[in-house]
């Protein structure tokens, strides 16, 4: 199976090495399943609350072009933190016959989408309510 890796971090406060760390973890999962890495899609310093990320959009387009058979990420929250977007992503991948497998959660099901989508939504709500540090 051809595996696409998606890796993202959201702010300038995070290390650029985060992408490489995520890639390394995903590659371990791919190799453990005897899959082949097809492509790595990345978004650096872009929030998972938005679906307007170049790497994410390219991942969607390449899925429609049948360039890979499975999506691999460190965790579901790397793909999206927006409840609506993660549900739409899951639906699009399912329509294409492409499973989503993460290092943290394993193969993603509807249950993951509901629970993790809600948790990510609450995370964003809490983040928005935090005072800005000087």
N, C-alpha and C. Protein backbone atom coordinates (compact mmCIF):
# COMPACT_ATOMS: atom_id res chain seq x y z
N UNK A 1 0.84 -1.19 0.00
CA UNK A 1 0.00 0.00 0.00
C UNK A 1 0.88 1.25 0.00
N UNK A 2 0.44 2.24 -0.72
CA UNK A 2 1.14 3.52 -0.79
C UNK A 2 0.60 4.42 0.31
N UNK A 3 1.49 4.87 1.18
CA UNK A 3 1.08 5.65 2.35
C UNK A 3 1.49 7.11 2.21
N UNK A 4 0.52 7.99 2.40
CA UNK A 4 0.78 9.43 2.45
C UNK A 4 0.92 9.84 3.90
N UNK A 5 1.92 10.62 4.21
CA UNK A 5 2.13 11.13 5.56
C UNK A 5 1.67 12.59 5.59
N UNK A 6 0.92 12.94 6.65
CA UNK A 6 0.59 14.35 6.86
C UNK A 6 1.16 14.77 8.21
N UNK A 7 1.91 15.87 8.22
CA UNK A 7 2.52 16.40 9.45
C UNK A 7 2.30 17.91 9.50
N UNK A 8 2.02 18.41 10.72
CA UNK A 8 1.73 19.83 10.88
C UNK A 8 2.10 20.28 12.28
N UNK A 9 2.54 21.52 12.40
CA UNK A 9 2.57 22.17 13.70
C UNK A 9 1.97 23.56 13.52
N UNK A 10 1.51 24.15 14.64
CA UNK A 10 0.64 25.31 14.49
C UNK A 10 1.26 26.67 14.74
N UNK A 11 2.31 26.78 15.52
CA UNK A 11 2.78 28.13 15.84
C UNK A 11 4.29 28.24 15.71
N UNK A 12 4.73 29.47 15.66
CA UNK A 12 6.16 29.75 15.60
C UNK A 12 6.86 29.36 16.90
N UNK A 13 6.09 29.13 17.97
CA UNK A 13 6.67 28.74 19.25
C UNK A 13 7.11 27.28 19.26
N UNK A 14 6.60 26.51 18.29
CA UNK A 14 6.97 25.10 18.21
C UNK A 14 8.21 24.94 17.34
N UNK A 15 8.92 23.88 17.57
CA UNK A 15 10.15 23.62 16.84
C UNK A 15 9.88 23.15 15.42
N UNK A 16 10.67 23.64 14.49
CA UNK A 16 10.58 23.19 13.11
C UNK A 16 10.88 21.70 13.01
N UNK A 17 11.61 21.18 13.98
CA UNK A 17 11.93 19.74 14.02
C UNK A 17 10.69 18.90 14.27
N UNK A 18 9.60 19.52 14.71
CA UNK A 18 8.36 18.81 14.96
C UNK A 18 7.90 18.04 13.72
N UNK A 19 8.05 18.63 12.56
CA UNK A 19 7.67 17.96 11.30
C UNK A 19 8.52 16.71 11.12
N UNK A 20 9.81 16.84 11.32
CA UNK A 20 10.71 15.70 11.15
C UNK A 20 10.42 14.61 12.19
N UNK A 21 10.10 15.02 13.42
CA UNK A 21 9.74 14.06 14.46
C UNK A 21 8.47 13.29 14.08
N UNK A 22 7.47 14.02 13.60
CA UNK A 22 6.22 13.38 13.18
C UNK A 22 6.48 12.43 12.01
N UNK A 23 7.31 12.88 11.06
CA UNK A 23 7.63 12.05 9.90
C UNK A 23 8.30 10.75 10.34
N UNK A 24 9.24 10.86 11.27
CA UNK A 24 9.95 9.68 11.76
C UNK A 24 8.98 8.68 12.41
N UNK A 25 8.06 9.16 13.23
CA UNK A 25 7.08 8.28 13.87
C UNK A 25 6.17 7.61 12.84
N UNK A 26 5.73 8.39 11.86
CA UNK A 26 4.85 7.85 10.81
C UNK A 26 5.59 6.82 9.96
N UNK A 27 6.84 7.09 9.66
CA UNK A 27 7.64 6.16 8.86
C UNK A 27 7.81 4.83 9.59
N UNK A 28 7.96 4.89 10.89
CA UNK A 28 8.07 3.66 11.69
C UNK A 28 6.78 2.83 11.55
N UNK A 29 5.63 3.51 11.60
CA UNK A 29 4.34 2.83 11.43
C UNK A 29 4.22 2.24 10.02
N UNK A 30 4.62 3.01 9.02
CA UNK A 30 4.57 2.55 7.62
C UNK A 30 5.45 1.32 7.42
N UNK A 31 6.68 1.40 7.90
CA UNK A 31 7.60 0.26 7.76
C UNK A 31 7.11 -0.96 8.51
N UNK A 32 6.52 -0.75 9.69
CA UNK A 32 5.99 -1.86 10.49
C UNK A 32 4.85 -2.59 9.80
N UNK A 33 4.13 -1.88 8.92
CA UNK A 33 3.03 -2.47 8.17
C UNK A 33 3.45 -2.92 6.77
N UNK A 34 4.75 -2.74 6.47
CA UNK A 34 5.29 -3.09 5.15
C UNK A 34 4.60 -2.31 4.03
N UNK A 35 4.26 -1.06 4.32
CA UNK A 35 3.72 -0.15 3.32
C UNK A 35 4.88 0.61 2.69
N UNK A 36 4.57 1.36 1.65
CA UNK A 36 5.57 2.18 0.97
C UNK A 36 5.19 3.65 1.13
N UNK A 37 6.16 4.47 1.52
CA UNK A 37 5.88 5.91 1.64
C UNK A 37 5.69 6.49 0.25
N UNK A 38 4.53 7.13 0.03
CA UNK A 38 4.23 7.73 -1.27
C UNK A 38 4.65 9.19 -1.30
N UNK A 39 4.23 9.96 -0.33
CA UNK A 39 4.46 11.41 -0.31
C UNK A 39 4.26 11.90 1.12
N UNK A 40 4.98 12.97 1.46
CA UNK A 40 4.77 13.62 2.76
C UNK A 40 4.23 15.02 2.51
N UNK A 41 3.14 15.33 3.17
CA UNK A 41 2.48 16.62 3.05
C UNK A 41 2.66 17.35 4.38
N UNK A 42 3.09 18.59 4.34
CA UNK A 42 3.37 19.31 5.58
C UNK A 42 2.80 20.72 5.55
N UNK A 43 2.49 21.19 6.74
CA UNK A 43 2.12 22.59 6.95
C UNK A 43 2.84 23.06 8.20
N UNK A 44 3.70 24.04 8.04
CA UNK A 44 4.52 24.56 9.14
C UNK A 44 3.93 25.86 9.65
N UNK A 45 3.68 25.92 10.96
CA UNK A 45 3.20 27.15 11.59
C UNK A 45 1.79 27.53 11.18
N UNK A 46 0.95 26.52 10.86
CA UNK A 46 -0.43 26.79 10.46
C UNK A 46 -1.39 26.03 11.36
N UNK A 47 -2.40 26.72 11.82
CA UNK A 47 -3.36 26.15 12.75
C UNK A 47 -4.18 25.03 12.13
N UNK A 48 -4.44 24.02 12.93
CA UNK A 48 -5.32 22.94 12.51
C UNK A 48 -6.77 23.34 12.54
N UNK A 49 -7.06 24.56 12.96
CA UNK A 49 -8.44 25.05 12.98
C UNK A 49 -8.88 25.48 11.58
N UNK A 50 -7.93 25.68 10.69
CA UNK A 50 -8.24 26.11 9.32
C UNK A 50 -7.99 24.97 8.35
N UNK A 51 -8.83 24.86 7.36
CA UNK A 51 -8.60 23.86 6.31
C UNK A 51 -7.88 24.50 5.11
N UNK A 52 -7.58 25.78 5.20
CA UNK A 52 -6.90 26.49 4.12
C UNK A 52 -5.39 26.43 4.29
N UNK A 53 -4.88 25.21 4.35
CA UNK A 53 -3.45 24.96 4.48
C UNK A 53 -2.98 24.31 3.19
N UNK A 54 -1.89 24.79 2.60
CA UNK A 54 -1.44 24.26 1.30
C UNK A 54 -1.17 22.76 1.30
N UNK A 55 -0.48 22.26 2.32
CA UNK A 55 -0.19 20.83 2.37
C UNK A 55 -1.44 19.99 2.50
N UNK A 56 -2.35 20.45 3.34
CA UNK A 56 -3.63 19.76 3.55
C UNK A 56 -4.45 19.75 2.25
N UNK A 57 -4.50 20.88 1.56
CA UNK A 57 -5.26 20.97 0.31
C UNK A 57 -4.64 20.06 -0.77
N UNK A 58 -3.32 19.99 -0.80
CA UNK A 58 -2.64 19.11 -1.76
C UNK A 58 -2.91 17.64 -1.44
N UNK A 59 -2.98 17.31 -0.14
CA UNK A 59 -3.33 15.96 0.29
C UNK A 59 -4.71 15.58 -0.22
N UNK A 60 -5.68 16.48 -0.07
CA UNK A 60 -7.04 16.23 -0.56
C UNK A 60 -7.06 16.02 -2.07
N UNK A 61 -6.35 16.89 -2.80
CA UNK A 61 -6.30 16.79 -4.25
C UNK A 61 -5.66 15.48 -4.70
N UNK A 62 -4.55 15.10 -4.07
CA UNK A 62 -3.86 13.87 -4.45
C UNK A 62 -4.69 12.63 -4.11
N UNK A 63 -5.51 12.72 -3.07
CA UNK A 63 -6.42 11.61 -2.74
C UNK A 63 -7.44 11.44 -3.88
N UNK A 64 -7.94 12.56 -4.38
CA UNK A 64 -8.89 12.49 -5.51
C UNK A 64 -8.23 11.93 -6.77
N UNK A 65 -6.91 12.10 -6.88
CA UNK A 65 -6.16 11.58 -8.04
C UNK A 65 -5.64 10.17 -7.81
N UNK A 66 -6.00 9.57 -6.67
CA UNK A 66 -5.62 8.19 -6.36
C UNK A 66 -4.10 7.99 -6.30
N UNK A 67 -3.38 8.94 -5.66
CA UNK A 67 -1.92 8.84 -5.59
C UNK A 67 -1.43 8.07 -4.36
N UNK A 68 -2.33 7.68 -3.46
CA UNK A 68 -1.96 6.89 -2.30
C UNK A 68 -3.16 6.07 -1.84
N UNK A 69 -2.88 5.10 -0.93
CA UNK A 69 -3.91 4.16 -0.49
C UNK A 69 -4.28 4.31 0.98
N UNK A 70 -3.47 5.01 1.75
CA UNK A 70 -3.71 5.20 3.18
C UNK A 70 -3.09 6.53 3.60
N UNK A 71 -3.74 7.22 4.54
CA UNK A 71 -3.18 8.44 5.12
C UNK A 71 -2.66 8.10 6.50
N UNK A 72 -1.43 8.52 6.79
CA UNK A 72 -0.80 8.27 8.08
C UNK A 72 -0.42 9.61 8.71
N UNK A 73 -0.73 9.76 10.00
CA UNK A 73 -0.38 10.97 10.75
C UNK A 73 -0.03 10.56 12.17
N UNK A 74 0.65 11.46 12.88
CA UNK A 74 0.98 11.17 14.28
C UNK A 74 -0.29 11.04 15.11
N UNK A 75 -1.22 11.93 14.90
CA UNK A 75 -2.49 11.91 15.62
C UNK A 75 -3.55 12.60 14.78
N UNK A 76 -4.79 12.35 15.09
CA UNK A 76 -5.88 12.94 14.34
C UNK A 76 -5.86 14.46 14.41
N UNK A 77 -5.40 15.01 15.54
CA UNK A 77 -5.34 16.47 15.68
C UNK A 77 -4.29 17.12 14.79
N UNK A 78 -3.36 16.35 14.26
CA UNK A 78 -2.41 16.91 13.29
C UNK A 78 -3.11 17.19 11.97
N UNK A 79 -4.09 16.37 11.62
CA UNK A 79 -4.84 16.56 10.37
C UNK A 79 -5.77 17.76 10.50
N UNK A 80 -6.50 17.83 11.59
CA UNK A 80 -7.38 18.98 11.82
C UNK A 80 -7.80 19.04 13.27
N UNK A 81 -8.04 20.26 13.75
CA UNK A 81 -8.59 20.46 15.08
C UNK A 81 -10.03 20.96 15.01
N UNK A 82 -10.55 21.11 13.79
CA UNK A 82 -11.91 21.58 13.61
C UNK A 82 -12.84 20.38 13.42
N UNK A 83 -13.88 20.34 14.23
CA UNK A 83 -14.80 19.21 14.23
C UNK A 83 -15.44 18.98 12.86
N UNK A 84 -15.86 20.04 12.22
CA UNK A 84 -16.49 19.93 10.91
C UNK A 84 -15.49 19.48 9.85
N UNK A 85 -14.29 20.04 9.89
CA UNK A 85 -13.28 19.70 8.88
C UNK A 85 -12.80 18.26 9.00
N UNK A 86 -12.61 17.79 10.24
CA UNK A 86 -12.12 16.42 10.39
C UNK A 86 -13.19 15.42 9.95
N UNK A 87 -14.46 15.75 10.21
CA UNK A 87 -15.55 14.88 9.76
C UNK A 87 -15.60 14.85 8.23
N UNK A 88 -15.43 16.02 7.60
CA UNK A 88 -15.45 16.10 6.13
C UNK A 88 -14.25 15.35 5.55
N UNK A 89 -13.08 15.50 6.17
CA UNK A 89 -11.88 14.80 5.70
C UNK A 89 -12.10 13.28 5.76
N UNK A 90 -12.62 12.82 6.89
CA UNK A 90 -12.89 11.39 7.07
C UNK A 90 -13.87 10.90 6.00
N UNK A 91 -14.91 11.68 5.76
CA UNK A 91 -15.92 11.31 4.77
C UNK A 91 -15.32 11.24 3.37
N UNK A 92 -14.49 12.21 3.03
CA UNK A 92 -13.85 12.22 1.71
C UNK A 92 -12.90 11.04 1.54
N UNK A 93 -12.12 10.75 2.58
CA UNK A 93 -11.20 9.62 2.49
C UNK A 93 -11.98 8.31 2.39
N UNK A 94 -13.02 8.19 3.16
CA UNK A 94 -13.83 6.97 3.11
C UNK A 94 -14.44 6.80 1.72
N UNK A 95 -14.93 7.88 1.12
CA UNK A 95 -15.49 7.83 -0.23
C UNK A 95 -14.45 7.33 -1.23
N UNK A 96 -13.19 7.74 -1.04
CA UNK A 96 -12.10 7.32 -1.93
C UNK A 96 -11.57 5.92 -1.57
N UNK A 97 -12.07 5.36 -0.47
CA UNK A 97 -11.59 4.04 -0.03
C UNK A 97 -10.22 4.10 0.62
N UNK A 98 -9.90 5.27 1.21
CA UNK A 98 -8.59 5.49 1.82
C UNK A 98 -8.73 5.52 3.34
N UNK A 99 -8.19 4.54 4.04
CA UNK A 99 -8.24 4.58 5.50
C UNK A 99 -7.26 5.63 6.05
N UNK A 100 -7.57 6.11 7.25
CA UNK A 100 -6.70 7.03 7.98
C UNK A 100 -6.16 6.24 9.17
N UNK A 101 -4.84 6.21 9.31
CA UNK A 101 -4.21 5.49 10.41
C UNK A 101 -3.26 6.45 11.11
N UNK A 102 -3.38 6.55 12.44
CA UNK A 102 -2.48 7.43 13.18
C UNK A 102 -1.66 6.62 14.17
N UNK A 103 -0.51 7.17 14.50
CA UNK A 103 0.37 6.54 15.48
C UNK A 103 -0.35 6.48 16.83
N UNK A 104 -1.04 7.55 17.20
CA UNK A 104 -1.68 7.65 18.51
C UNK A 104 -2.96 6.83 18.63
N UNK A 105 -3.80 6.81 17.58
CA UNK A 105 -5.12 6.19 17.70
C UNK A 105 -5.31 4.91 16.90
N UNK A 106 -4.40 4.59 16.01
CA UNK A 106 -4.59 3.43 15.14
C UNK A 106 -5.48 3.81 13.97
N UNK A 107 -6.22 2.83 13.44
CA UNK A 107 -7.12 3.13 12.32
C UNK A 107 -8.31 3.93 12.82
N UNK A 108 -8.59 5.01 12.13
CA UNK A 108 -9.62 5.95 12.54
C UNK A 108 -11.00 5.46 12.10
N UNK A 109 -11.95 5.55 13.04
CA UNK A 109 -13.33 5.16 12.77
C UNK A 109 -14.24 6.36 13.08
N UNK A 110 -15.53 6.16 12.87
CA UNK A 110 -16.50 7.21 13.17
C UNK A 110 -16.43 7.61 14.65
N UNK A 111 -16.17 6.65 15.51
CA UNK A 111 -16.07 6.94 16.94
C UNK A 111 -14.94 7.92 17.23
N UNK A 112 -13.79 7.71 16.60
CA UNK A 112 -12.66 8.64 16.77
C UNK A 112 -13.04 10.03 16.30
N UNK A 113 -13.73 10.10 15.16
CA UNK A 113 -14.11 11.40 14.60
C UNK A 113 -15.01 12.14 15.58
N UNK A 114 -15.98 11.46 16.15
CA UNK A 114 -16.88 12.09 17.12
C UNK A 114 -16.18 12.53 18.38
N UNK A 115 -15.43 11.62 18.99
CA UNK A 115 -14.78 11.93 20.27
C UNK A 115 -13.61 12.89 20.11
N UNK A 116 -12.71 12.60 19.19
CA UNK A 116 -11.53 13.46 19.00
C UNK A 116 -11.93 14.81 18.43
N UNK A 117 -12.94 14.83 17.57
CA UNK A 117 -13.43 16.09 17.02
C UNK A 117 -13.95 17.00 18.12
N UNK A 118 -14.68 16.42 19.06
CA UNK A 118 -15.20 17.18 20.20
C UNK A 118 -14.05 17.66 21.09
N UNK A 119 -13.09 16.79 21.36
CA UNK A 119 -11.95 17.17 22.20
C UNK A 119 -11.14 18.29 21.57
N UNK A 120 -10.92 18.22 20.26
CA UNK A 120 -10.17 19.27 19.57
C UNK A 120 -10.92 20.58 19.58
N UNK A 121 -12.24 20.51 19.43
CA UNK A 121 -13.06 21.71 19.46
C UNK A 121 -12.96 22.39 20.84
N UNK A 122 -13.00 21.59 21.90
CA UNK A 122 -12.86 22.13 23.25
C UNK A 122 -11.46 22.71 23.47
N UNK A 123 -10.44 22.07 22.91
CA UNK A 123 -9.07 22.58 23.01
C UNK A 123 -8.98 23.97 22.39
N UNK A 124 -9.56 24.14 21.20
CA UNK A 124 -9.53 25.44 20.52
C UNK A 124 -10.29 26.50 21.30
N UNK A 125 -11.41 26.10 21.90
CA UNK A 125 -12.21 27.03 22.70
C UNK A 125 -11.41 27.50 23.92
N UNK A 126 -10.75 26.57 24.59
CA UNK A 126 -9.92 26.91 25.75
C UNK A 126 -8.74 27.79 25.35
N UNK A 127 -8.13 27.49 24.22
CA UNK A 127 -7.00 28.25 23.73
C UNK A 127 -7.40 29.71 23.45
N UNK A 128 -8.58 29.88 22.89
CA UNK A 128 -9.07 31.22 22.57
C UNK A 128 -9.35 32.05 23.82
N UNK A 129 -9.64 31.39 24.93
CA UNK A 129 -9.97 32.10 26.16
C UNK A 129 -8.76 32.42 27.03
N UNK A 130 -7.59 31.91 26.66
CA UNK A 130 -6.37 32.16 27.44
C UNK A 130 -5.92 33.60 27.22
N UNK A 131 -5.40 34.22 28.29
CA UNK A 131 -4.85 35.56 28.11
C UNK A 131 -3.56 35.50 27.28
N UNK A 132 -3.31 36.53 26.52
CA UNK A 132 -2.11 36.60 25.71
C UNK A 132 -0.93 36.99 26.60
N UNK A 133 0.15 36.18 26.52
CA UNK A 133 1.34 36.45 27.33
C UNK A 133 2.18 37.55 26.68
N UNK A 134 2.81 38.35 27.50
CA UNK A 134 3.69 39.41 26.99
C UNK A 134 5.05 38.87 26.63
